[in-house]
């Protein structure tokens, strides 16, 4: 009798453990699918933003190239009409009517050419002013952050924008979203420049390496959360230091935009960074393009 009771207990225990295992596996599967869907949504949004910016750049370059091509064509037409006029003058008074017609055509052509040249000159002026503003902005930021180590902080210009890259060791402890005092000092000095540059938009991008965050990290599931929360914390410091919050956008790029794809300690340290991207507003330029 005792032997039968023991077998029955073993069978019930095994069934209970199997049922518990199935429930736990389904919960893990649902959590993983939810995280996967969220990552795919974030990835699609970033790809759309990148595509939009690349399209805007392509449109600007195409518009400038089109205006320059039109100017060259008009200049060529002008030279051809002037040659025709010179030939007509040599043929004498019998070609007076044709001569008057040629003069009228040249006058219309000159008026059209001057109008197009004026638009092209205005476009070039704004582009030159933007380039000068970017160079001036880079110089002012470099001066404000002069006392920091080159390994912790770099400043360069790419695609008409100023990139301020801050290494993790300047801003955060590993896995933390709280900025160190030295990092706060750097951000406040940067904010002192940005407060005076009202025509500059600010994008704060958080970047991590490819090592997953420790399990159980409070408030974070993965490197997406870590990169976004760090960017948000930096945005908050800039805003508290006087930068207009409407000009600052925080974003997280997780591990997906590395500077170095190697799996070494040095490469991962280089990839753990925050990039503050400063972009001059182009409202005036877009208005000119609309008129053309």
Protein backbone atom coordinates (compact mmCIF):
# COMPACT_ATOMS: atom_id res chain seq x y z
CA UNK A 1 0.00 0.00 0.00
CA UNK A 2 2.79 2.45 0.89
CA UNK A 3 4.59 1.59 -2.36
CA UNK A 4 1.51 2.52 -4.45
CA UNK A 5 1.07 5.80 -2.55
CA UNK A 6 4.73 6.73 -3.22
CA UNK A 7 4.35 6.11 -6.99
CA UNK A 8 1.21 8.21 -7.13
CA UNK A 9 2.97 11.10 -5.36
CA UNK A 10 5.87 10.99 -7.83
CA UNK A 11 3.49 11.10 -10.81
CA UNK A 12 1.59 14.10 -9.39
CA UNK A 13 4.84 16.00 -8.66
CA UNK A 14 6.18 15.40 -12.18
CA UNK A 15 2.94 16.62 -13.73
CA UNK A 16 3.00 19.77 -11.61
CA UNK A 17 6.60 20.57 -12.60
CA UNK A 18 5.82 20.05 -16.31
CA UNK A 19 2.81 22.40 -16.14
CA UNK A 20 4.89 25.08 -14.34
CA UNK A 21 7.64 24.79 -16.98
CA UNK A 22 5.15 25.37 -19.80
CA UNK A 23 3.76 28.51 -18.14
CA UNK A 24 7.21 29.98 -17.55
CA UNK A 25 8.31 29.27 -21.14
CA UNK A 26 5.27 30.99 -22.63
CA UNK A 27 5.80 34.09 -20.45
CA UNK A 28 9.44 34.34 -21.53
CA UNK A 29 8.38 33.92 -25.17
CA UNK A 30 5.75 36.69 -24.86
CA UNK A 31 8.29 39.04 -23.21
CA UNK A 32 10.87 38.37 -25.91
CA UNK A 33 8.34 38.96 -28.70
CA UNK A 34 7.23 42.26 -27.10
CA UNK A 35 10.84 43.44 -26.84
CA UNK A 36 11.52 42.34 -30.43
CA UNK A 37 8.49 44.29 -31.72
CA UNK A 38 9.55 47.42 -29.81
CA UNK A 39 13.07 47.21 -31.24
CA UNK A 40 11.71 46.81 -34.77
CA UNK A 41 9.49 49.91 -34.33
CA UNK A 42 12.44 51.96 -33.03
CA UNK A 43 14.65 50.73 -35.88
CA UNK A 44 12.03 51.63 -38.49
CA UNK A 45 11.68 55.14 -37.01
CA UNK A 46 15.41 55.77 -37.08
CA UNK A 47 15.69 54.50 -40.66
CA UNK A 48 12.83 56.80 -41.69
CA UNK A 49 14.51 59.81 -40.01
CA UNK A 50 17.81 58.99 -41.72
CA UNK A 51 16.08 58.61 -45.10
CA UNK A 52 14.32 61.99 -44.65
CA UNK A 53 17.58 63.82 -43.79
CA UNK A 54 19.40 62.21 -46.74
CA UNK A 55 16.55 63.19 -49.07
CA UNK A 56 16.65 66.82 -47.84
CA UNK A 57 20.38 66.96 -48.47
CA UNK A 58 19.97 65.44 -51.94
CA UNK A 59 17.21 67.98 -52.76
CA UNK A 60 19.44 70.91 -51.75
CA UNK A 61 22.36 69.64 -53.81
CA UNK A 62 20.13 68.97 -56.81
CA UNK A 63 18.59 72.46 -56.63
CA UNK A 64 22.00 74.12 -56.50
CA UNK A 65 23.28 72.02 -59.41
CA UNK A 66 20.16 72.87 -61.43
CA UNK A 67 20.61 76.63 -60.88
CA UNK A 68 24.28 76.46 -61.84
CA UNK A 69 23.41 74.51 -64.99
CA UNK A 70 20.74 77.08 -65.94
CA UNK A 71 23.21 79.89 -65.42
CA UNK A 72 25.76 78.22 -67.72
CA UNK A 73 23.09 77.69 -70.38
CA UNK A 74 21.98 81.32 -70.22
CA UNK A 75 25.55 82.57 -70.48
CA UNK A 76 26.07 80.36 -73.52
CA UNK A 77 22.87 81.70 -75.11
CA UNK A 78 23.99 85.24 -74.38
CA UNK A 79 27.32 84.68 -76.12
CA UNK A 80 25.52 83.21 -79.13
CA UNK A 81 23.16 86.18 -79.38
CA UNK A 82 26.00 88.65 -79.04
CA UNK A 83 27.85 86.90 -81.88
CA UNK A 84 24.71 87.04 -83.98
CA UNK A 85 24.34 90.75 -83.25
CA UNK A 86 27.95 91.46 -84.23
CA UNK A 87 27.46 89.67 -87.54
CA UNK A 88 24.25 91.61 -88.22
CA UNK A 89 26.02 94.94 -87.61
CA UNK A 90 28.64 94.07 -90.24
CA UNK A 91 25.99 93.28 -92.86
CA UNK A 92 24.87 96.92 -92.90
CA UNK A 93 21.69 98.90 -92.85
CA UNK A 94 19.75 96.37 -94.92
CA UNK A 95 19.60 94.14 -91.90
CA UNK A 96 18.21 96.87 -89.65
CA UNK A 97 14.99 95.07 -88.82
CA UNK A 98 16.79 91.88 -87.95
CA UNK A 99 19.26 93.92 -85.92
CA UNK A 100 16.48 95.53 -83.90
CA UNK A 101 14.95 92.12 -83.30
CA UNK A 102 18.28 90.75 -82.08
CA UNK A 103 18.67 93.69 -79.70
CA UNK A 104 15.22 93.03 -78.27
CA UNK A 105 16.04 89.36 -77.76
CA UNK A 106 19.30 90.20 -76.02
CA UNK A 107 17.54 92.65 -73.72
CA UNK A 108 15.00 90.01 -72.71
CA UNK A 109 17.76 87.46 -72.29
CA UNK A 110 19.84 89.84 -70.19
CA UNK A 111 16.86 90.58 -67.94
CA UNK A 112 16.18 86.87 -67.46
CA UNK A 113 19.86 86.12 -66.87
CA UNK A 114 20.16 88.87 -64.27
CA UNK A 115 17.12 87.58 -62.39
CA UNK A 116 18.49 84.03 -62.34
CA UNK A 117 21.95 85.24 -61.37
CA UNK A 118 20.42 87.18 -58.49
CA UNK A 119 18.68 84.04 -57.18
CA UNK A 120 21.84 81.97 -57.58
CA UNK A 121 23.92 84.64 -55.84
CA UNK A 122 21.44 84.74 -52.95
CA UNK A 123 21.54 80.95 -52.65
CA UNK A 124 25.34 80.97 -52.67
CA UNK A 125 25.38 83.77 -50.09
CA UNK A 126 23.24 81.76 -47.70
CA UNK A 127 25.34 78.62 -48.23
CA UNK A 128 28.51 80.61 -47.57
CA UNK A 129 26.96 82.15 -44.46
CA UNK A 130 25.95 78.69 -43.23
CA UNK A 131 29.47 77.35 -43.78
CA UNK A 132 30.93 80.35 -41.99
CA UNK A 133 28.44 79.92 -39.13
CA UNK A 134 29.37 76.23 -38.79
CA UNK A 135 33.08 77.08 -38.70
CA UNK A 136 32.48 79.83 -36.15
CA UNK A 137 30.34 77.50 -34.04
CA UNK A 138 33.03 74.83 -34.07
CA UNK A 139 35.67 77.37 -33.01
CA UNK A 140 33.51 78.67 -30.16
CA UNK A 141 32.70 75.18 -28.91
CA UNK A 142 36.37 74.18 -29.14
CA UNK A 143 37.36 77.25 -27.14
CA UNK A 144 34.72 76.59 -24.46
CA UNK A 145 35.86 72.96 -24.07
CA UNK A 146 39.59 73.62 -24.45
CA UNK A 147 40.56 72.21 -21.04
CA UNK A 148 39.30 68.67 -21.66
CA UNK A 149 41.37 65.66 -22.76
CA UNK A 150 41.28 64.80 -26.47
CA UNK A 151 40.60 61.17 -25.56
CA UNK A 152 37.46 62.21 -23.69
CA UNK A 153 36.13 64.81 -26.10
CA UNK A 154 36.45 65.47 -29.85
CA UNK A 155 34.92 68.15 -32.08
CA UNK A 156 34.73 68.00 -35.87
CA UNK A 157 32.59 69.12 -38.81
CA UNK A 158 30.79 66.63 -41.07
CA UNK A 159 28.11 67.29 -43.69
CA UNK A 160 27.70 70.91 -42.62
CA UNK A 161 27.16 69.98 -38.95
CA UNK A 162 29.31 70.23 -35.82
CA UNK A 163 29.76 66.91 -33.99
CA UNK A 164 30.76 67.04 -30.31
CA UNK A 165 31.65 63.47 -29.26
CA UNK A 166 31.90 62.82 -25.51
CA UNK A 167 33.46 59.54 -24.33
CA UNK A 168 31.67 57.45 -21.69
CA UNK A 169 34.49 57.91 -19.18
CA UNK A 170 33.92 61.67 -19.22
CA UNK A 171 30.19 61.40 -18.53
CA UNK A 172 29.11 58.12 -16.95
CA UNK A 173 30.17 55.17 -14.85
CA UNK A 174 29.60 51.79 -16.54
CA UNK A 175 25.87 51.08 -16.93
CA UNK A 176 24.90 54.36 -15.21
CA UNK A 177 22.70 57.17 -16.51
CA UNK A 178 23.86 59.76 -13.97
CA UNK A 179 26.41 62.23 -15.36
CA UNK A 180 29.64 62.64 -13.38
CA UNK A 181 30.55 66.14 -12.08
CA UNK A 182 33.31 66.51 -14.68
CA UNK A 183 30.82 65.69 -17.42
CA UNK A 184 28.29 68.15 -16.01
CA UNK A 185 31.00 70.83 -16.15
CA UNK A 186 31.68 70.08 -19.84
CA UNK A 187 27.96 70.15 -20.70
CA UNK A 188 27.41 73.46 -18.92
CA UNK A 189 30.31 75.02 -20.82
CA UNK A 190 28.81 73.74 -24.06
CA UNK A 191 25.42 75.14 -23.03
CA UNK A 192 26.98 78.59 -22.51
CA UNK A 193 27.83 78.61 -26.24
CA UNK A 194 24.52 77.14 -27.41
CA UNK A 195 22.47 79.74 -25.49
CA UNK A 196 23.96 82.42 -27.75
CA UNK A 197 23.37 80.40 -30.94
CA UNK A 198 19.59 80.63 -31.31
CA UNK A 199 19.64 79.41 -34.94
CA UNK A 200 21.21 76.02 -34.10
CA UNK A 201 19.27 72.82 -33.44
CA UNK A 202 20.76 70.25 -31.06
CA UNK A 203 20.49 66.44 -31.40
CA UNK A 204 21.80 64.34 -28.50
CA UNK A 205 22.63 60.75 -29.55
CA UNK A 206 23.48 58.05 -27.00
CA UNK A 207 25.69 55.15 -28.20
CA UNK A 208 26.65 51.93 -26.41
CA UNK A 209 28.94 49.01 -27.19
CA UNK A 210 27.67 45.52 -28.08
CA UNK A 211 27.86 44.13 -24.54
CA UNK A 212 24.35 43.62 -23.05
CA UNK A 213 23.54 45.43 -19.83
CA UNK A 214 23.58 43.43 -16.61
CA UNK A 215 20.42 41.51 -15.84
CA UNK A 216 18.18 43.16 -13.31
CA UNK A 217 19.38 46.71 -14.03
CA UNK A 218 16.62 48.91 -12.63
CA UNK A 219 14.56 50.73 -15.24
CA UNK A 220 16.38 49.20 -18.24
CA UNK A 221 15.84 46.12 -20.37
CA UNK A 222 18.66 46.54 -22.87
CA UNK A 223 21.16 48.90 -24.49
CA UNK A 224 18.35 50.78 -26.22
CA UNK A 225 17.09 51.92 -22.82
CA UNK A 226 20.61 52.77 -21.64
CA UNK A 227 21.39 54.92 -24.70
CA UNK A 228 18.04 56.75 -24.61
CA UNK A 229 18.15 57.44 -20.87
CA UNK A 230 21.69 58.80 -21.13
CA UNK A 231 20.69 61.10 -23.99
CA UNK A 232 17.67 62.28 -22.01
CA UNK A 233 19.80 63.01 -18.94
CA UNK A 234 22.25 65.09 -21.02
CA UNK A 235 19.33 66.93 -22.66
CA UNK A 236 17.98 67.77 -19.20
CA UNK A 237 21.36 69.18 -18.11
CA UNK A 238 21.60 71.37 -21.23
CA UNK A 239 18.05 72.65 -20.72
CA UNK A 240 18.66 73.38 -17.04
CA UNK A 241 21.79 75.30 -18.07
CA UNK A 242 19.70 77.63 -20.25
CA UNK A 243 19.43 75.99 -23.68
CA UNK A 244 15.92 76.31 -25.13
CA UNK A 245 14.36 72.82 -24.71
CA UNK A 246 12.46 73.18 -28.00
CA UNK A 247 15.81 73.11 -29.83
CA UNK A 248 17.13 69.93 -28.18
CA UNK A 249 16.16 66.37 -29.20
CA UNK A 250 17.40 63.30 -27.27
CA UNK A 251 17.77 59.97 -29.10
CA UNK A 252 19.30 56.55 -28.46
CA UNK A 253 21.20 54.50 -31.06
CA UNK A 254 22.13 51.55 -28.79
CA UNK A 255 25.02 49.51 -30.30
CA UNK A 256 24.04 49.96 -33.94
CA UNK A 257 26.30 52.88 -35.02
CA UNK A 258 29.77 51.82 -33.84
CA UNK A 259 32.92 53.76 -34.60
CA UNK A 260 34.93 50.54 -34.51
CA UNK A 261 33.35 47.12 -35.19
CA UNK A 262 36.18 45.15 -33.63
CA UNK A 263 35.41 43.07 -30.54
CA UNK A 264 38.37 44.41 -28.56
CA UNK A 265 38.29 46.30 -25.27
CA UNK A 266 39.66 49.43 -27.00
CA UNK A 267 37.04 49.33 -29.77
CA UNK A 268 34.17 48.92 -27.31
CA UNK A 269 35.45 51.80 -25.20
CA UNK A 270 35.53 53.99 -28.33
CA UNK A 271 31.94 53.03 -29.20
CA UNK A 272 30.57 53.95 -25.75
CA UNK A 273 29.97 57.66 -26.34
CA UNK A 274 27.45 60.48 -26.62
CA UNK A 275 27.38 62.61 -29.77
CA UNK A 276 25.88 66.10 -29.61
CA UNK A 277 25.12 67.16 -33.19
CA UNK A 278 24.71 70.89 -33.85
CA UNK A 279 22.83 71.82 -37.04
CA UNK A 280 22.21 75.38 -38.29
CA UNK A 281 18.59 76.06 -39.25
CA UNK A 282 18.02 76.24 -43.02
CA UNK A 283 14.64 78.03 -43.11
CA UNK A 284 15.94 80.91 -45.24
CA UNK A 285 17.55 78.51 -47.70
CA UNK A 286 14.35 76.51 -48.12
CA UNK A 287 12.38 79.70 -48.84
CA UNK A 288 14.72 80.57 -51.72
CA UNK A 289 14.46 77.03 -53.11
CA UNK A 290 10.67 77.27 -53.04
CA UNK A 291 10.76 80.45 -55.16
CA UNK A 292 12.96 78.77 -57.77
